């Protein structure tokens, strides 16, 4: 009896893992301009924009140079891929998956001209659940530290 319960439990966990990792994301719904979205802050989400969770710094470089640097940094993040758009065309959407479960976190990134240089606008949020234990904020802050 205990063996059956263990096998059933493992099958349930494996099914959940496969669902989370391979269920397709609706990229059209997730690909959104981080400045145009009327999103509020909350658990599992971080806003890098004026009045958001993190005030965006201005970098003494062109929009094109900042776009190239942040793109390289983001794509060097483990388990991260660009799934829509491009920074050259306005904004891009990236998905980073957790190592074990494969939970997807979605980041919308835009580079904008600012006074004295270029700046970023980012919305990074979890796709499933309500709380991410600060993972999205830590990831965005890590990207900023690398700049």
C-alpha atoms as a PDB file:
ATOM      1  CA  UNK A   1       0.000   0.000   0.000  1.00  0.00           C
ATOM      2  CA  UNK A   2       2.772   2.460   0.929  1.00  0.00           C
ATOM      3  CA  UNK A   3       4.572   1.639  -2.315  1.00  0.00           C
ATOM      4  CA  UNK A   4       1.437   2.439  -4.335  1.00  0.00           C
ATOM      5  CA  UNK A   5       0.966   5.767  -2.548  1.00  0.00           C
ATOM      6  CA  UNK A   6       4.618   6.646  -3.197  1.00  0.00           C
ATOM      7  CA  UNK A   7       4.358   5.780  -6.907  1.00  0.00           C
ATOM      8  CA  UNK A   8       1.119   7.755  -7.301  1.00  0.00           C
ATOM      9  CA  UNK A   9       2.681  10.713  -5.485  1.00  0.00           C
ATOM     10  CA  UNK A  10       5.750  10.645  -7.717  1.00  0.00           C
ATOM     11  CA  UNK A  11       3.548  10.482 -10.822  1.00  0.00           C
ATOM     12  CA  UNK A  12       1.588  13.515  -9.648  1.00  0.00           C
ATOM     13  CA  UNK A  13       4.779  15.506  -8.989  1.00  0.00           C
ATOM     14  CA  UNK A  14       6.234  14.477 -12.362  1.00  0.00           C
ATOM     15  CA  UNK A  15       3.003  15.484 -14.125  1.00  0.00           C
ATOM     16  CA  UNK A  16       3.048  18.906 -12.459  1.00  0.00           C
ATOM     17  CA  UNK A  17       6.680  19.413 -13.434  1.00  0.00           C
ATOM     18  CA  UNK A  18       5.951  18.508 -17.055  1.00  0.00           C
ATOM     19  CA  UNK A  19       2.917  20.790 -17.129  1.00  0.00           C
ATOM     20  CA  UNK A  20       4.818  23.800 -15.783  1.00  0.00           C
ATOM     21  CA  UNK A  21       7.831  23.230 -18.015  1.00  0.00           C
ATOM     22  CA  UNK A  22       6.065  22.464 -21.304  1.00  0.00           C
ATOM     23  CA  UNK A  23       2.667  24.173 -21.201  1.00  0.00           C
ATOM     24  CA  UNK A  24       2.875  26.855 -23.891  1.00  0.00           C
ATOM     25  CA  UNK A  25       2.880  30.495 -22.840  1.00  0.00           C
ATOM     26  CA  UNK A  26       0.579  32.938 -24.603  1.00  0.00           C
ATOM     27  CA  UNK A  27       3.377  35.197 -25.775  1.00  0.00           C
ATOM     28  CA  UNK A  28       0.994  37.659 -27.444  1.00  0.00           C
ATOM     29  CA  UNK A  29      -0.663  38.308 -24.075  1.00  0.00           C
ATOM     30  CA  UNK A  30       2.676  38.572 -22.244  1.00  0.00           C
ATOM     31  CA  UNK A  31       4.532  40.750 -24.794  1.00  0.00           C
ATOM     32  CA  UNK A  32       3.716  44.267 -23.621  1.00  0.00           C
ATOM     33  CA  UNK A  33       5.437  47.634 -23.599  1.00  0.00           C
ATOM     34  CA  UNK A  34       6.656  48.159 -20.009  1.00  0.00           C
ATOM     35  CA  UNK A  35       5.814  51.868 -20.201  1.00  0.00           C
ATOM     36  CA  UNK A  36       2.324  51.383 -21.606  1.00  0.00           C
ATOM     37  CA  UNK A  37       1.233  48.701 -19.182  1.00  0.00           C
ATOM     38  CA  UNK A  38      -0.776  49.909 -16.240  1.00  0.00           C
ATOM     39  CA  UNK A  39       0.623  47.385 -13.811  1.00  0.00           C
ATOM     40  CA  UNK A  40       0.950  47.841 -10.114  1.00  0.00           C
ATOM     41  CA  UNK A  41       3.632  46.478  -7.899  1.00  0.00           C
ATOM     42  CA  UNK A  42       3.085  43.403  -5.807  1.00  0.00           C
ATOM     43  CA  UNK A  43       4.419  40.022  -4.746  1.00  0.00           C
ATOM     44  CA  UNK A  44       6.100  38.194  -7.597  1.00  0.00           C
ATOM     45  CA  UNK A  45       6.538  41.344  -9.649  1.00  0.00           C
ATOM     46  CA  UNK A  46       9.079  44.150  -9.901  1.00  0.00           C
ATOM     47  CA  UNK A  47       8.739  47.419 -11.807  1.00  0.00           C
ATOM     48  CA  UNK A  48      11.814  49.314 -12.971  1.00  0.00           C
ATOM     49  CA  UNK A  49      10.381  52.624 -14.108  1.00  0.00           C
ATOM     50  CA  UNK A  50       9.705  56.045 -12.614  1.00  0.00           C
ATOM     51  CA  UNK A  51       7.481  55.592  -9.584  1.00  0.00           C
ATOM     52  CA  UNK A  52       8.011  51.803  -9.623  1.00  0.00           C
ATOM     53  CA  UNK A  53       9.793  49.491  -7.205  1.00  0.00           C
ATOM     54  CA  UNK A  54      13.201  50.521  -8.547  1.00  0.00           C
ATOM     55  CA  UNK A  55      13.940  53.961  -9.973  1.00  0.00           C
ATOM     56  CA  UNK A  56      15.661  53.520 -13.333  1.00  0.00           C
ATOM     57  CA  UNK A  57      19.182  54.923 -13.502  1.00  0.00           C
ATOM     58  CA  UNK A  58      20.326  56.883 -16.534  1.00  0.00           C
ATOM     59  CA  UNK A  59      23.421  55.576 -18.320  1.00  0.00           C
ATOM     60  CA  UNK A  60      25.837  57.831 -20.159  1.00  0.00           C
ATOM     61  CA  UNK A  61      25.477  56.037 -23.483  1.00  0.00           C
ATOM     62  CA  UNK A  62      23.238  55.907 -26.496  1.00  0.00           C
ATOM     63  CA  UNK A  63      19.996  53.967 -26.609  1.00  0.00           C
ATOM     64  CA  UNK A  64      21.581  51.582 -29.115  1.00  0.00           C
ATOM     65  CA  UNK A  65      24.634  50.955 -26.902  1.00  0.00           C
ATOM     66  CA  UNK A  66      22.512  50.335 -23.802  1.00  0.00           C
ATOM     67  CA  UNK A  67      20.199  48.036 -25.779  1.00  0.00           C
ATOM     68  CA  UNK A  68      23.155  45.938 -26.939  1.00  0.00           C
ATOM     69  CA  UNK A  69      24.629  45.721 -23.428  1.00  0.00           C
ATOM     70  CA  UNK A  70      21.404  44.821 -21.619  1.00  0.00           C
ATOM     71  CA  UNK A  71      20.483  42.276 -24.311  1.00  0.00           C
ATOM     72  CA  UNK A  72      23.846  40.534 -23.850  1.00  0.00           C
ATOM     73  CA  UNK A  73      23.462  40.557 -20.055  1.00  0.00           C
ATOM     74  CA  UNK A  74      19.904  39.216 -20.150  1.00  0.00           C
ATOM     75  CA  UNK A  75      20.687  36.460 -22.635  1.00  0.00           C
ATOM     76  CA  UNK A  76      23.702  35.422 -20.534  1.00  0.00           C
ATOM     77  CA  UNK A  77      21.320  34.780 -17.624  1.00  0.00           C
ATOM     78  CA  UNK A  78      20.930  31.003 -17.229  1.00  0.00           C
ATOM     79  CA  UNK A  79      17.761  29.494 -18.751  1.00  0.00           C
ATOM     80  CA  UNK A  80      16.733  32.808 -20.373  1.00  0.00           C
ATOM     81  CA  UNK A  81      15.523  33.292 -23.927  1.00  0.00           C
ATOM     82  CA  UNK A  82      14.026  36.161 -25.895  1.00  0.00           C
ATOM     83  CA  UNK A  83      10.533  35.102 -26.935  1.00  0.00           C
ATOM     84  CA  UNK A  84       9.169  38.216 -28.650  1.00  0.00           C
ATOM     85  CA  UNK A  85      10.184  41.580 -30.036  1.00  0.00           C
ATOM     86  CA  UNK A  86      13.606  43.169 -30.081  1.00  0.00           C
ATOM     87  CA  UNK A  87      15.096  46.130 -28.271  1.00  0.00           C
ATOM     88  CA  UNK A  88      16.013  47.691 -31.623  1.00  0.00           C
ATOM     89  CA  UNK A  89      12.325  47.676 -32.600  1.00  0.00           C
ATOM     90  CA  UNK A  90      11.047  49.108 -29.320  1.00  0.00           C
ATOM     91  CA  UNK A  91      10.840  46.475 -26.600  1.00  0.00           C
ATOM     92  CA  UNK A  92      11.476  42.783 -26.056  1.00  0.00           C
ATOM     93  CA  UNK A  93      10.061  40.010 -23.888  1.00  0.00           C
ATOM     94  CA  UNK A  94      12.257  37.409 -22.197  1.00  0.00           C
ATOM     95  CA  UNK A  95      11.416  34.246 -20.283  1.00  0.00           C
ATOM     96  CA  UNK A  96      13.649  32.877 -17.529  1.00  0.00           C
ATOM     97  CA  UNK A  97      12.821  29.432 -16.156  1.00  0.00           C
ATOM     98  CA  UNK A  98      13.692  28.171 -12.685  1.00  0.00           C
ATOM     99  CA  UNK A  99      16.262  25.399 -12.599  1.00  0.00           C
ATOM    100  CA  UNK A 100      14.311  22.596 -10.949  1.00  0.00           C
ATOM    101  CA  UNK A 101      10.629  23.114 -11.723  1.00  0.00           C
ATOM    102  CA  UNK A 102      10.969  25.235 -14.834  1.00  0.00           C
ATOM    103  CA  UNK A 103       8.599  27.942 -13.601  1.00  0.00           C
ATOM    104  CA  UNK A 104       8.609  30.785 -16.157  1.00  0.00           C
ATOM    105  CA  UNK A 105       9.239  34.389 -15.170  1.00  0.00           C
ATOM    106  CA  UNK A 106       8.482  36.986 -17.853  1.00  0.00           C
ATOM    107  CA  UNK A 107      10.408  40.243 -18.300  1.00  0.00           C
ATOM    108  CA  UNK A 108       9.363  43.044 -20.643  1.00  0.00           C
ATOM    109  CA  UNK A 109      12.319  45.332 -21.363  1.00  0.00           C
ATOM    110  CA  UNK A 110      12.531  48.682 -23.140  1.00  0.00           C
ATOM    111  CA  UNK A 111      15.413  51.123 -23.596  1.00  0.00           C
ATOM    112  CA  UNK A 112      14.450  54.803 -23.716  1.00  0.00           C
ATOM    113  CA  UNK A 113      16.288  58.046 -24.330  1.00  0.00           C
ATOM    114  CA  UNK A 114      16.672  60.069 -21.185  1.00  0.00           C
ATOM    115  CA  UNK A 115      18.188  63.307 -20.067  1.00  0.00           C
ATOM    116  CA  UNK A 116      21.935  62.781 -20.402  1.00  0.00           C
ATOM    117  CA  UNK A 117      21.823  59.275 -21.838  1.00  0.00           C
ATOM    118  CA  UNK A 118      19.629  56.202 -21.948  1.00  0.00           C
ATOM    119  CA  UNK A 119      17.522  54.398 -19.386  1.00  0.00           C
ATOM    120  CA  UNK A 120      15.625  51.136 -18.968  1.00  0.00           C
ATOM    121  CA  UNK A 121      12.016  50.250 -18.287  1.00  0.00           C
ATOM    122  CA  UNK A 122      11.432  46.692 -17.074  1.00  0.00           C
ATOM    123  CA  UNK A 123       8.474  44.758 -15.753  1.00  0.00           C
ATOM    124  CA  UNK A 124       9.476  41.317 -14.482  1.00  0.00           C
ATOM    125  CA  UNK A 125       6.885  38.963 -13.034  1.00  0.00           C
ATOM    126  CA  UNK A 126       6.123  35.367 -12.322  1.00  0.00           C
ATOM    127  CA  UNK A 127       3.714  33.490 -14.544  1.00  0.00           C
ATOM    128  CA  UNK A 128       2.357  30.966 -12.044  1.00  0.00           C
ATOM    129  CA  UNK A 129       1.603  31.577  -8.389  1.00  0.00           C
ATOM    130  CA  UNK A 130       1.499  34.709  -6.299  1.00  0.00           C
ATOM    131  CA  UNK A 131       4.874  35.012  -4.592  1.00  0.00           C
ATOM    132  CA  UNK A 132       8.390  34.487  -5.968  1.00  0.00           C
ATOM    133  CA  UNK A 133      10.520  35.001  -2.827  1.00  0.00           C
ATOM    134  CA  UNK A 134      12.149  38.073  -4.397  1.00  0.00           C
ATOM    135  CA  UNK A 135      13.590  36.229  -7.400  1.00  0.00           C
ATOM    136  CA  UNK A 136      12.408  38.736 -10.022  1.00  0.00           C
ATOM    137  CA  UNK A 137      13.710  41.731  -8.086  1.00  0.00           C
ATOM    138  CA  UNK A 138      17.065  40.022  -7.501  1.00  0.00           C
ATOM    139  CA  UNK A 139      17.346  39.169 -11.209  1.00  0.00           C
ATOM    140  CA  UNK A 140      16.607  42.737 -12.353  1.00  0.00           C
ATOM    141  CA  UNK A 141      18.995  44.190  -9.753  1.00  0.00           C
ATOM    142  CA  UNK A 142      21.636  41.710 -10.939  1.00  0.00           C
ATOM    143  CA  UNK A 143      21.208  42.927 -14.513  1.00  0.00           C
ATOM    144  CA  UNK A 144      21.587  46.532 -13.346  1.00  0.00           C
ATOM    145  CA  UNK A 145      24.716  45.663 -11.323  1.00  0.00           C
ATOM    146  CA  UNK A 146      26.317  44.225 -14.456  1.00  0.00           C
ATOM    147  CA  UNK A 147      25.762  47.456 -16.344  1.00  0.00           C
END
